[in-house]
Amino acid sequence: MSAVNYTKFNYTVFLLTGIPGQEDIYLWISVLFCLMYLTSIVGNSVILFIIKTDPSLHEPMYIFLSMLAITDLGLSIATIPTILGIFLFNTREISLNACFAQMFFIHSFSYIESSVLLLMAFDRFVAICNPLRYASILTLPRIAKMGLVFVIRSVALIFPLPFLLKRFRYCRSNVLSHSYCLHQEVMKLACSDITVNSIYGFAIKLLAVGLDSLFIFVSYVMILKTVLSIASSMECLKALKTCGSHLCAVLLFYIPDIGLSVIHRFGNSSSLLLQILLGYLSLLVPPLMNPIVYSVKSKHLRARIIKVLFK
């Protein structure tokens, strides 16, 4: 019995995992990740700077885009230390408290990004389905209140997770299959009953990402219904083009995120490499691609960026 009690207190750190079997090319992988992080940080920072300094961009659509850029920056910064630590310096150890803190920020920013995408869908819905009331519905105070509510919602849902995990003892293993900490993974390493954590994690995923994705889907059904009722095919195409950037951002975020959640919960026999790749896709690709997609798709924003860069 004493031996069992001793093993329960044995682990004070977790070991993170890079890409198994690719240790020989970690340096080249680190160069790729550094380029991705540099591009995402510079791209989102440029968008924030352009929107802040250009009064003509102080419109609801671009304010929501600035919220998305801030969230992407936070998500990138939350994963930089451990991912680059593994591939550059082979630093695999992370303390329990540091792991729980990273987990809190990763999940919080992910849920905030889901909420921002919902707000952007609402913006497109009002702009297409009720354009005459667009300015009166999406006022700056109302936008600020909606953003604050969704930030508080996301933080409040994630806040109990570190405390729920901290009460456990970890004796089965201390090796995580990702280069960062996620709730779904950490709880599986506990010796105790994880039923509460499992139910709570699943419930908040449904309340946040599940509801957000459902409302985004409903908003696009309404948008499509309105667009198809337009007589002119040119006007119909023009209205749909305004949603292109947002649809790309939605697909880039939700497909890897939902796929990773399904694998963690129900795919115990799935490939470890698939889990790792989906994990990197869900956290690295949206912050990298969102500024690129919006810069390419938005003619107004692209013109402002070119004007600043070549001034």
C-alpha atoms as a PDB file:
ATOM      1  CA  MET A   1       0.000   0.000   0.000  1.00  0.00           C
ATOM      2  CA  SER A   2       2.879   2.364   0.808  1.00  0.00           C
ATOM      3  CA  ALA A   3       4.365   1.711  -2.638  1.00  0.00           C
ATOM      4  CA  VAL A   4       1.101   2.769  -4.298  1.00  0.00           C
ATOM      5  CA  ASN A   5       0.976   5.960  -2.229  1.00  0.00           C
ATOM      6  CA  TYR A   6       4.565   6.737  -3.187  1.00  0.00           C
ATOM      7  CA  THR A   7       3.889   6.435  -6.909  1.00  0.00           C
ATOM      8  CA  LYS A   8       0.960   8.823  -6.592  1.00  0.00           C
ATOM      9  CA  PHE A   9       3.361  11.563  -5.483  1.00  0.00           C
ATOM     10  CA  ASN A  10       6.119  10.592  -7.903  1.00  0.00           C
ATOM     11  CA  TYR A  11       5.401  12.895 -10.839  1.00  0.00           C
ATOM     12  CA  THR A  12       5.960  16.627 -10.409  1.00  0.00           C
ATOM     13  CA  VAL A  13       6.547  17.292 -14.116  1.00  0.00           C
ATOM     14  CA  PHE A  14       5.046  16.219 -17.416  1.00  0.00           C
ATOM     15  CA  LEU A  15       7.085  15.252 -20.467  1.00  0.00           C
ATOM     16  CA  LEU A  16       5.983  16.828 -23.736  1.00  0.00           C
ATOM     17  CA  THR A  17       6.326  15.081 -27.085  1.00  0.00           C
ATOM     18  CA  GLY A  18       7.439  16.523 -30.416  1.00  0.00           C
ATOM     19  CA  ILE A  19       7.029  14.388 -33.527  1.00  0.00           C
ATOM     20  CA  PRO A  20       8.093  10.792 -32.756  1.00  0.00           C
ATOM     21  CA  GLY A  21      10.579   9.313 -35.200  1.00  0.00           C
ATOM     22  CA  GLN A  22      11.563  12.702 -36.656  1.00  0.00           C
ATOM     23  CA  GLU A  23      14.194  13.682 -34.068  1.00  0.00           C
ATOM     24  CA  ASP A  24      16.916  13.910 -36.748  1.00  0.00           C
ATOM     25  CA  ILE A  25      15.174  16.791 -38.515  1.00  0.00           C
ATOM     26  CA  TYR A  26      13.988  18.728 -35.443  1.00  0.00           C
ATOM     27  CA  LEU A  27      16.207  21.675 -36.428  1.00  0.00           C
ATOM     28  CA  TRP A  28      14.502  21.979 -39.829  1.00  0.00           C
ATOM     29  CA  ILE A  29      11.081  21.571 -38.229  1.00  0.00           C
ATOM     30  CA  SER A  30      11.980  24.328 -35.764  1.00  0.00           C
ATOM     31  CA  VAL A  31      12.860  26.620 -38.693  1.00  0.00           C
ATOM     32  CA  LEU A  32       9.419  25.923 -40.212  1.00  0.00           C
ATOM     33  CA  PHE A  33       7.660  26.633 -36.903  1.00  0.00           C
ATOM     34  CA  CYS A  34       9.691  29.817 -36.376  1.00  0.00           C
ATOM     35  CA  LEU A  35       8.627  31.048 -39.815  1.00  0.00           C
ATOM     36  CA  MET A  36       4.995  30.196 -39.057  1.00  0.00           C
ATOM     37  CA  TYR A  37       5.085  32.011 -35.708  1.00  0.00           C
ATOM     38  CA  LEU A  38       6.881  35.018 -37.197  1.00  0.00           C
ATOM     39  CA  THR A  39       4.366  35.246 -40.045  1.00  0.00           C
ATOM     40  CA  SER A  40       1.343  34.929 -37.742  1.00  0.00           C
ATOM     41  CA  ILE A  41       2.645  37.473 -35.203  1.00  0.00           C
ATOM     42  CA  VAL A  42       3.719  40.008 -37.841  1.00  0.00           C
ATOM     43  CA  GLY A  43       0.575  39.475 -39.931  1.00  0.00           C
ATOM     44  CA  ASN A  44      -1.859  39.908 -37.043  1.00  0.00           C
ATOM     45  CA  SER A  45       0.131  42.859 -35.653  1.00  0.00           C
ATOM     46  CA  VAL A  46       0.050  44.605 -39.045  1.00  0.00           C
ATOM     47  CA  ILE A  47      -3.715  44.139 -39.283  1.00  0.00           C
ATOM     48  CA  LEU A  48      -4.165  45.579 -35.786  1.00  0.00           C
ATOM     49  CA  PHE A  49      -1.940  48.548 -36.633  1.00  0.00           C
ATOM     50  CA  ILE A  50      -3.739  49.280 -39.912  1.00  0.00           C
ATOM     51  CA  ILE A  51      -7.208  49.087 -38.336  1.00  0.00           C
ATOM     52  CA  LYS A  52      -6.163  51.230 -35.358  1.00  0.00           C
ATOM     53  CA  THR A  53      -4.498  53.993 -37.408  1.00  0.00           C
ATOM     54  CA  ASP A  54      -6.993  54.192 -40.282  1.00  0.00           C
ATOM     55  CA  PRO A  55     -10.306  55.866 -39.263  1.00  0.00           C
ATOM     56  CA  SER A  56     -12.014  54.572 -42.411  1.00  0.00           C
ATOM     57  CA  LEU A  57     -11.594  51.012 -41.050  1.00  0.00           C
ATOM     58  CA  HIS A  58     -13.343  51.746 -37.751  1.00  0.00           C
ATOM     59  CA  GLU A  59     -16.365  49.759 -38.900  1.00  0.00           C
ATOM     60  CA  PRO A  60     -17.952  46.694 -37.242  1.00  0.00           C
ATOM     61  CA  MET A  61     -16.463  44.195 -39.719  1.00  0.00           C
ATOM     62  CA  TYR A  62     -12.913  45.432 -39.141  1.00  0.00           C
ATOM     63  CA  ILE A  63     -13.394  45.789 -35.390  1.00  0.00           C
ATOM     64  CA  PHE A  64     -14.368  42.108 -35.265  1.00  0.00           C
ATOM     65  CA  LEU A  65     -11.317  41.357 -37.421  1.00  0.00           C
ATOM     66  CA  SER A  66      -9.109  43.154 -34.886  1.00  0.00           C
ATOM     67  CA  MET A  67     -10.652  41.014 -32.129  1.00  0.00           C
ATOM     68  CA  LEU A  68      -9.773  37.922 -34.155  1.00  0.00           C
ATOM     69  CA  ALA A  69      -6.196  39.172 -34.626  1.00  0.00           C
ATOM     70  CA  ILE A  70      -5.759  39.769 -30.867  1.00  0.00           C
ATOM     71  CA  THR A  71      -7.070  36.279 -30.131  1.00  0.00           C
ATOM     72  CA  ASP A  72      -4.738  34.724 -32.709  1.00  0.00           C
ATOM     73  CA  LEU A  73      -1.777  36.562 -31.172  1.00  0.00           C
ATOM     74  CA  GLY A  74      -2.692  35.241 -27.724  1.00  0.00           C
ATOM     75  CA  LEU A  75      -3.068  31.691 -29.050  1.00  0.00           C
ATOM     76  CA  SER A  76       0.343  31.851 -30.762  1.00  0.00           C
ATOM     77  CA  ILE A  77       2.115  33.262 -27.704  1.00  0.00           C
ATOM     78  CA  ALA A  78       0.571  30.580 -25.458  1.00  0.00           C
ATOM     79  CA  THR A  79       2.149  27.750 -27.481  1.00  0.00           C
ATOM     80  CA  ILE A  80       5.506  29.297 -28.493  1.00  0.00           C
ATOM     81  CA  PRO A  81       7.554  28.429 -25.355  1.00  0.00           C
ATOM     82  CA  THR A  82       6.921  24.679 -25.315  1.00  0.00           C
ATOM     83  CA  ILE A  83       6.794  23.979 -29.070  1.00  0.00           C
ATOM     84  CA  LEU A  84      10.000  25.853 -29.878  1.00  0.00           C
ATOM     85  CA  GLY A  85      11.567  24.592 -26.639  1.00  0.00           C
ATOM     86  CA  ILE A  86      11.197  21.004 -27.837  1.00  0.00           C
ATOM     87  CA  PHE A  87      12.338  21.466 -31.422  1.00  0.00           C
ATOM     88  CA  LEU A  88      15.142  23.959 -30.739  1.00  0.00           C
ATOM     89  CA  PHE A  89      16.518  22.838 -27.353  1.00  0.00           C
ATOM     90  CA  ASN A  90      14.908  19.413 -26.794  1.00  0.00           C
ATOM     91  CA  THR A  91      13.360  20.728 -23.559  1.00  0.00           C
ATOM     92  CA  ARG A  92      10.556  18.290 -22.811  1.00  0.00           C
ATOM     93  CA  GLU A  93       9.866  18.882 -19.117  1.00  0.00           C
ATOM     94  CA  ILE A  94       7.093  21.163 -17.918  1.00  0.00           C
ATOM     95  CA  SER A  95       5.961  21.541 -14.306  1.00  0.00           C
ATOM     96  CA  LEU A  96       2.395  20.788 -13.321  1.00  0.00           C
ATOM     97  CA  ASN A  97       1.550  24.435 -12.574  1.00  0.00           C
ATOM     98  CA  ALA A  98       3.092  25.659 -15.828  1.00  0.00           C
ATOM     99  CA  CYS A  99       1.197  22.950 -17.711  1.00  0.00           C
ATOM    100  CA  PHE A 100      -2.114  23.913 -16.112  1.00  0.00           C
ATOM    101  CA  ALA A 101      -1.464  27.617 -16.856  1.00  0.00           C
ATOM    102  CA  GLN A 102      -0.682  26.900 -20.507  1.00  0.00           C
ATOM    103  CA  MET A 103      -3.755  24.701 -20.769  1.00  0.00           C
ATOM    104  CA  PHE A 104      -5.912  27.521 -19.350  1.00  0.00           C
ATOM    105  CA  PHE A 105      -4.659  30.067 -21.896  1.00  0.00           C
ATOM    106  CA  ILE A 106      -4.829  27.705 -24.886  1.00  0.00           C
ATOM    107  CA  HIS A 107      -8.428  26.658 -24.177  1.00  0.00           C
ATOM    108  CA  SER A 108      -9.507  30.209 -23.238  1.00  0.00           C
ATOM    109  CA  PHE A 109      -8.155  31.744 -26.445  1.00  0.00           C
ATOM    110  CA  SER A 110      -9.605  28.873 -28.505  1.00  0.00           C
ATOM    111  CA  TYR A 111     -13.073  29.443 -27.041  1.00  0.00           C
ATOM    112  CA  ILE A 112     -12.727  33.224 -27.482  1.00  0.00           C
ATOM    113  CA  GLU A 113     -11.801  32.681 -31.140  1.00  0.00           C
ATOM    114  CA  SER A 114     -14.906  30.549 -31.585  1.00  0.00           C
ATOM    115  CA  SER A 115     -16.980  33.381 -30.093  1.00  0.00           C
ATOM    116  CA  VAL A 116     -15.357  36.003 -32.332  1.00  0.00           C
ATOM    117  CA  LEU A 117     -16.140  33.888 -35.398  1.00  0.00           C
ATOM    118  CA  LEU A 118     -19.763  33.793 -34.236  1.00  0.00           C
ATOM    119  CA  LEU A 119     -19.794  37.597 -33.881  1.00  0.00           C
ATOM    120  CA  MET A 120     -18.347  37.923 -37.379  1.00  0.00           C
ATOM    121  CA  ALA A 121     -21.092  35.626 -38.692  1.00  0.00           C
ATOM    122  CA  PHE A 122     -23.662  37.852 -36.972  1.00  0.00           C
ATOM    123  CA  ASP A 123     -22.052  40.878 -38.621  1.00  0.00           C
ATOM    124  CA  ARG A 124     -22.409  39.300 -42.087  1.00  0.00           C
ATOM    125  CA  PHE A 125     -25.990  38.218 -41.278  1.00  0.00           C
ATOM    126  CA  VAL A 126     -27.051  41.758 -40.365  1.00  0.00           C
ATOM    127  CA  ALA A 127     -25.168  43.300 -43.307  1.00  0.00           C
ATOM    128  CA  ILE A 128     -26.895  41.037 -45.868  1.00  0.00           C
ATOM    129  CA  CYS A 129     -30.277  40.289 -44.310  1.00  0.00           C
ATOM    130  CA  ASN A 130     -30.990  43.661 -42.713  1.00  0.00           C
ATOM    131  CA  PRO A 131     -28.646  46.232 -44.306  1.00  0.00           C
ATOM    132  CA  LEU A 132     -30.819  49.278 -43.528  1.00  0.00           C
ATOM    133  CA  ARG A 133     -30.465  48.688 -39.780  1.00  0.00           C
ATOM    134  CA  TYR A 134     -26.802  47.625 -39.901  1.00  0.00           C
ATOM    135  CA  ALA A 135     -25.424  50.850 -38.406  1.00  0.00           C
ATOM    136  CA  SER A 136     -28.095  51.053 -35.700  1.00  0.00           C
ATOM    137  CA  ILE A 137     -27.711  47.396 -34.623  1.00  0.00           C
ATOM    138  CA  LEU A 138     -23.916  47.128 -34.618  1.00  0.00           C
ATOM    139  CA  THR A 139     -22.963  50.234 -32.696  1.00  0.00           C
ATOM    140  CA  LEU A 140     -19.541  50.513 -31.045  1.00  0.00           C
ATOM    141  CA  PRO A 141     -20.883  50.220 -27.455  1.00  0.00           C
ATOM    142  CA  ARG A 142     -22.910  47.158 -28.413  1.00  0.00           C
ATOM    143  CA  ILE A 143     -19.922  45.542 -30.116  1.00  0.00           C
ATOM    144  CA  ALA A 144     -17.782  46.169 -27.019  1.00  0.00           C
ATOM    145  CA  LYS A 145     -20.440  44.643 -24.751  1.00  0.00           C
ATOM    146  CA  MET A 146     -20.834  41.556 -26.940  1.00  0.00           C
ATOM    147  CA  GLY A 147     -17.065  41.046 -27.059  1.00  0.00           C
ATOM    148  CA  LEU A 148     -16.752  41.445 -23.286  1.00  0.00           C
ATOM    149  CA  VAL A 149     -19.590  38.986 -22.637  1.00  0.00           C
ATOM    150  CA  PHE A 150     -17.996  36.312 -24.818  1.00  0.00           C
ATOM    151  CA  VAL A 151     -14.557  36.823 -23.245  1.00  0.00           C
ATOM    152  CA  ILE A 152     -16.057  36.458 -19.763  1.00  0.00           C
ATOM    153  CA  ARG A 153     -17.999  33.384 -20.897  1.00  0.00           C
ATOM    154  CA  SER A 154     -14.889  31.681 -22.264  1.00  0.00           C
ATOM    155  CA  VAL A 155     -12.715  32.456 -19.233  1.00  0.00           C
ATOM    156  CA  ALA A 156     -15.468  31.433 -16.799  1.00  0.00           C
ATOM    157  CA  LEU A 157     -15.966  28.074 -18.529  1.00  0.00           C
ATOM    158  CA  ILE A 158     -12.223  27.258 -18.548  1.00  0.00           C
ATOM    159  CA  PHE A 159     -11.387  28.676 -15.096  1.00  0.00           C
ATOM    160  CA  PRO A 160     -12.391  25.553 -13.075  1.00  0.00           C
ATOM    161  CA  LEU A 161     -10.320  23.139 -15.223  1.00  0.00           C
ATOM    162  CA  PRO A 162      -6.867  23.739 -13.638  1.00  0.00           C
ATOM    163  CA  PHE A 163      -8.348  23.350 -10.165  1.00  0.00           C
ATOM    164  CA  LEU A 164     -10.172  20.165 -11.139  1.00  0.00           C
ATOM    165  CA  LEU A 165      -6.900  18.737 -12.451  1.00  0.00           C
ATOM    166  CA  LYS A 166      -4.802  19.924  -9.519  1.00  0.00           C
ATOM    167  CA  ARG A 167      -6.711  17.733  -7.047  1.00  0.00           C
ATOM    168  CA  PHE A 168      -5.570  14.582  -8.890  1.00  0.00           C
ATOM    169  CA  ARG A 169      -2.442  12.497  -8.356  1.00  0.00           C
ATOM    170  CA  TYR A 170      -0.600  11.423 -11.495  1.00  0.00           C
ATOM    171  CA  CYS A 171       0.938   7.970 -11.334  1.00  0.00           C
ATOM    172  CA  ARG A 172       0.100   6.165 -14.573  1.00  0.00           C
ATOM    173  CA  SER A 173       2.417   8.104 -16.873  1.00  0.00           C
ATOM    174  CA  ASN A 174       3.737  11.613 -17.243  1.00  0.00           C
ATOM    175  CA  VAL A 175       4.206  11.657 -21.028  1.00  0.00           C
ATOM    176  CA  LEU A 176       1.876  13.853 -23.080  1.00  0.00           C
ATOM    177  CA  SER A 177       1.463  13.207 -26.792  1.00  0.00           C
ATOM    178  CA  HIS A 178       1.597  16.897 -27.781  1.00  0.00           C
ATOM    179  CA  SER A 179       4.123  19.723 -27.467  1.00  0.00           C
ATOM    180  CA  TYR A 180       1.725  21.615 -25.205  1.00  0.00           C
ATOM    181  CA  CYS A 181      -0.865  20.865 -22.514  1.00  0.00           C
ATOM    182  CA  LEU A 182      -4.511  20.105 -23.244  1.00  0.00           C
ATOM    183  CA  HIS A 183      -7.200  19.206 -20.709  1.00  0.00           C
ATOM    184  CA  GLN A 184      -8.320  16.069 -22.565  1.00  0.00           C
ATOM    185  CA  GLU A 185      -4.816  14.637 -22.371  1.00  0.00           C
ATOM    186  CA  VAL A 186      -3.753  15.670 -18.894  1.00  0.00           C
ATOM    187  CA  MET A 187      -6.842  14.251 -17.191  1.00  0.00           C
ATOM    188  CA  LYS A 188      -6.196  10.804 -18.710  1.00  0.00           C
ATOM    189  CA  LEU A 189      -2.885  10.590 -16.819  1.00  0.00           C
ATOM    190  CA  ALA A 190      -4.579  10.849 -13.407  1.00  0.00           C
ATOM    191  CA  CYS A 191      -4.850   7.876 -11.057  1.00  0.00           C
ATOM    192  CA  SER A 192      -8.228   9.063  -9.745  1.00  0.00           C
ATOM    193  CA  ASP A 193     -11.739   8.913 -11.122  1.00  0.00           C
ATOM    194  CA  ILE A 194     -11.949  11.499 -13.950  1.00  0.00           C
ATOM    195  CA  THR A 195     -15.705  11.252 -14.560  1.00  0.00           C
ATOM    196  CA  VAL A 196     -16.389  14.812 -13.357  1.00  0.00           C
ATOM    197  CA  ASN A 197     -13.619  16.242 -15.528  1.00  0.00           C
ATOM    198  CA  SER A 198     -14.749  14.258 -18.548  1.00  0.00           C
ATOM    199  CA  ILE A 199     -18.400  15.328 -18.234  1.00  0.00           C
ATOM    200  CA  TYR A 200     -17.501  18.958 -17.516  1.00  0.00           C
ATOM    201  CA  GLY A 201     -15.024  19.127 -20.406  1.00  0.00           C
ATOM    202  CA  PHE A 202     -17.583  17.677 -22.803  1.00  0.00           C
ATOM    203  CA  ALA A 203     -20.323  20.009 -21.502  1.00  0.00           C
ATOM    204  CA  ILE A 204     -18.316  23.220 -21.923  1.00  0.00           C
ATOM    205  CA  LYS A 205     -17.217  22.106 -25.396  1.00  0.00           C
ATOM    206  CA  LEU A 206     -20.880  21.801 -26.352  1.00  0.00           C
ATOM    207  CA  LEU A 207     -21.809  25.097 -24.660  1.00  0.00           C
ATOM    208  CA  ALA A 208     -19.022  27.029 -26.339  1.00  0.00           C
ATOM    209  CA  VAL A 209     -17.758  25.537 -29.604  1.00  0.00           C
ATOM    210  CA  GLY A 210     -20.882  23.439 -30.214  1.00  0.00           C
ATOM    211  CA  LEU A 211     -23.375  26.288 -29.815  1.00  0.00           C
ATOM    212  CA  ASP A 212     -21.152  28.768 -31.661  1.00  0.00           C
ATOM    213  CA  SER A 213     -20.783  26.486 -34.672  1.00  0.00           C
ATOM    214  CA  LEU A 214     -24.543  25.782 -34.657  1.00  0.00           C
ATOM    215  CA  PHE A 215     -25.415  29.501 -34.661  1.00  0.00           C
ATOM    216  CA  ILE A 216     -22.849  30.162 -37.403  1.00  0.00           C
ATOM    217  CA  PHE A 217     -24.480  27.440 -39.495  1.00  0.00           C
ATOM    218  CA  VAL A 218     -27.968  28.890 -38.885  1.00  0.00           C
ATOM    219  CA  SER A 219     -26.768  32.398 -39.775  1.00  0.00           C
ATOM    220  CA  TYR A 220     -25.385  31.167 -43.090  1.00  0.00           C
ATOM    221  CA  VAL A 221     -28.602  29.321 -43.852  1.00  0.00           C
ATOM    222  CA  MET A 222     -30.448  32.624 -43.371  1.00  0.00           C
ATOM    223  CA  ILE A 223     -27.837  34.480 -45.436  1.00  0.00           C
ATOM    224  CA  LEU A 224     -28.128  31.952 -48.262  1.00  0.00           C
ATOM    225  CA  LYS A 225     -31.920  32.178 -48.164  1.00  0.00           C
ATOM    226  CA  THR A 226     -31.755  35.973 -48.413  1.00  0.00           C
ATOM    227  CA  VAL A 227     -29.126  35.941 -51.162  1.00  0.00           C
ATOM    228  CA  LEU A 228     -31.063  33.459 -53.301  1.00  0.00           C
ATOM    229  CA  SER A 229     -34.099  35.730 -53.166  1.00  0.00           C
ATOM    230  CA  ILE A 230     -32.107  38.512 -54.854  1.00  0.00           C
ATOM    231  CA  ALA A 231     -33.153  38.857 -58.483  1.00  0.00           C
ATOM    232  CA  SER A 232     -29.790  39.876 -59.913  1.00  0.00           C
ATOM    233  CA  SER A 233     -27.164  37.134 -60.102  1.00  0.00           C
ATOM    234  CA  MET A 234     -24.382  39.744 -59.956  1.00  0.00           C
ATOM    235  CA  GLU A 235     -25.726  41.182 -56.719  1.00  0.00           C
ATOM    236  CA  CYS A 236     -26.124  37.656 -55.368  1.00  0.00           C
ATOM    237  CA  LEU A 237     -22.487  36.850 -56.146  1.00  0.00           C
ATOM    238  CA  LYS A 238     -21.307  40.161 -54.706  1.00  0.00           C
ATOM    239  CA  ALA A 239     -23.122  39.495 -51.421  1.00  0.00           C
ATOM    240  CA  LEU A 240     -21.638  35.993 -51.130  1.00  0.00           C
ATOM    241  CA  LYS A 241     -18.129  37.326 -51.803  1.00  0.00           C
ATOM    242  CA  THR A 242     -18.298  39.403 -48.622  1.00  0.00           C
ATOM    243  CA  CYS A 243     -18.590  36.139 -46.655  1.00  0.00           C
ATOM    244  CA  GLY A 244     -15.645  34.368 -48.314  1.00  0.00           C
ATOM    245  CA  SER A 245     -12.968  35.410 -45.822  1.00  0.00           C
ATOM    246  CA  HIS A 246     -15.128  34.534 -42.845  1.00  0.00           C
ATOM    247  CA  LEU A 247     -16.042  31.124 -44.263  1.00  0.00           C
ATOM    248  CA  CYS A 248     -12.325  30.338 -44.741  1.00  0.00           C
ATOM    249  CA  ALA A 249     -11.604  31.363 -41.146  1.00  0.00           C
ATOM    250  CA  VAL A 250     -14.481  29.195 -39.872  1.00  0.00           C
ATOM    251  CA  LEU A 251     -13.298  26.120 -41.767  1.00  0.00           C
ATOM    252  CA  LEU A 252      -9.655  26.628 -40.724  1.00  0.00           C
ATOM    253  CA  PHE A 253     -10.676  26.787 -37.062  1.00  0.00           C
ATOM    254  CA  TYR A 254     -13.515  24.294 -36.660  1.00  0.00           C
ATOM    255  CA  ILE A 255     -12.409  21.347 -38.816  1.00  0.00           C
ATOM    256  CA  PRO A 256      -9.094  20.617 -36.995  1.00  0.00           C
ATOM    257  CA  ASP A 257     -10.527  21.565 -33.584  1.00  0.00           C
ATOM    258  CA  ILE A 258     -13.563  19.290 -33.819  1.00  0.00           C
ATOM    259  CA  GLY A 259     -11.459  16.500 -35.354  1.00  0.00           C
ATOM    260  CA  LEU A 260      -8.936  16.672 -32.499  1.00  0.00           C
ATOM    261  CA  SER A 261     -11.701  16.676 -29.865  1.00  0.00           C
ATOM    262  CA  VAL A 262     -13.358  13.616 -31.426  1.00  0.00           C
ATOM    263  CA  ILE A 263     -10.045  11.723 -31.572  1.00  0.00           C
ATOM    264  CA  HIS A 264      -9.186  12.549 -27.953  1.00  0.00           C
ATOM    265  CA  ARG A 265     -12.581  11.362 -26.732  1.00  0.00           C
ATOM    266  CA  PHE A 266     -13.445   8.425 -28.939  1.00  0.00           C
ATOM    267  CA  GLY A 267     -10.357   7.555 -30.977  1.00  0.00           C
ATOM    268  CA  ASN A 268      -8.171   5.729 -28.484  1.00  0.00           C
ATOM    269  CA  SER A 269      -6.872   3.414 -31.216  1.00  0.00           C
ATOM    270  CA  SER A 270      -6.233   6.213 -33.724  1.00  0.00           C
ATOM    271  CA  SER A 271      -2.782   7.041 -35.035  1.00  0.00           C
ATOM    272  CA  LEU A 272      -0.629   9.102 -32.667  1.00  0.00           C
ATOM    273  CA  LEU A 273       0.828  10.946 -35.648  1.00  0.00           C
ATOM    274  CA  LEU A 274      -2.682  11.942 -36.752  1.00  0.00           C
ATOM    275  CA  GLN A 275      -3.392  13.373 -33.293  1.00  0.00           C
ATOM    276  CA  ILE A 276      -0.144  15.333 -33.337  1.00  0.00           C
ATOM    277  CA  LEU A 277      -0.729  16.739 -36.833  1.00  0.00           C
ATOM    278  CA  LEU A 278      -4.315  17.749 -36.029  1.00  0.00           C
ATOM    279  CA  GLY A 279      -3.057  19.390 -32.847  1.00  0.00           C
ATOM    280  CA  TYR A 280      -0.564  21.521 -34.766  1.00  0.00           C
ATOM    281  CA  LEU A 281      -3.158  22.330 -37.423  1.00  0.00           C
ATOM    282  CA  SER A 282      -5.722  23.477 -34.849  1.00  0.00           C
ATOM    283  CA  LEU A 283      -3.328  25.819 -33.015  1.00  0.00           C
ATOM    284  CA  LEU A 284      -0.862  27.034 -35.638  1.00  0.00           C
ATOM    285  CA  VAL A 285      -2.791  27.273 -38.905  1.00  0.00           C
ATOM    286  CA  PRO A 286      -5.668  29.674 -37.968  1.00  0.00           C
ATOM    287  CA  PRO A 287      -3.347  32.405 -36.541  1.00  0.00           C
ATOM    288  CA  LEU A 288      -1.107  31.965 -39.584  1.00  0.00           C
ATOM    289  CA  MET A 289      -3.775  31.943 -42.290  1.00  0.00           C
ATOM    290  CA  ASN A 290      -6.408  34.378 -40.970  1.00  0.00           C
ATOM    291  CA  PRO A 291      -4.394  37.568 -41.655  1.00  0.00           C
ATOM    292  CA  ILE A 292      -3.334  36.214 -45.053  1.00  0.00           C
ATOM    293  CA  VAL A 293      -6.902  35.284 -46.055  1.00  0.00           C
ATOM    294  CA  TYR A 294      -8.377  38.623 -44.956  1.00  0.00           C
ATOM    295  CA  SER A 295      -5.548  40.606 -46.580  1.00  0.00           C
ATOM    296  CA  VAL A 296      -6.103  38.804 -49.884  1.00  0.00           C
ATOM    297  CA  LYS A 297      -9.913  38.771 -49.838  1.00  0.00           C
ATOM    298  CA  SER A 298     -10.547  42.301 -48.532  1.00  0.00           C
ATOM    299  CA  LYS A 299      -9.666  44.795 -51.269  1.00  0.00           C
ATOM    300  CA  HIS A 300     -10.001  47.769 -48.905  1.00  0.00           C
ATOM    301  CA  LEU A 301      -7.736  46.264 -46.242  1.00  0.00           C
ATOM    302  CA  ARG A 302      -5.220  45.089 -48.838  1.00  0.00           C
ATOM    303  CA  ALA A 303      -4.982  48.582 -50.322  1.00  0.00           C
ATOM    304  CA  ARG A 304      -4.326  50.080 -46.881  1.00  0.00           C
ATOM    305  CA  ILE A 305      -1.635  47.520 -46.083  1.00  0.00           C
ATOM    306  CA  ILE A 306       0.138  48.125 -49.410  1.00  0.00           C
ATOM    307  CA  LYS A 307      -0.081  51.876 -48.881  1.00  0.00           C
ATOM    308  CA  VAL A 308       1.553  51.623 -45.424  1.00  0.00           C
ATOM    309  CA  LEU A 309       4.242  49.148 -46.478  1.00  0.00           C
ATOM    310  CA  PHE A 310       5.327  51.106 -49.547  1.00  0.00           C
ATOM    311  CA  LYS A 311       4.804  54.578 -48.145  1.00  0.00           C
END
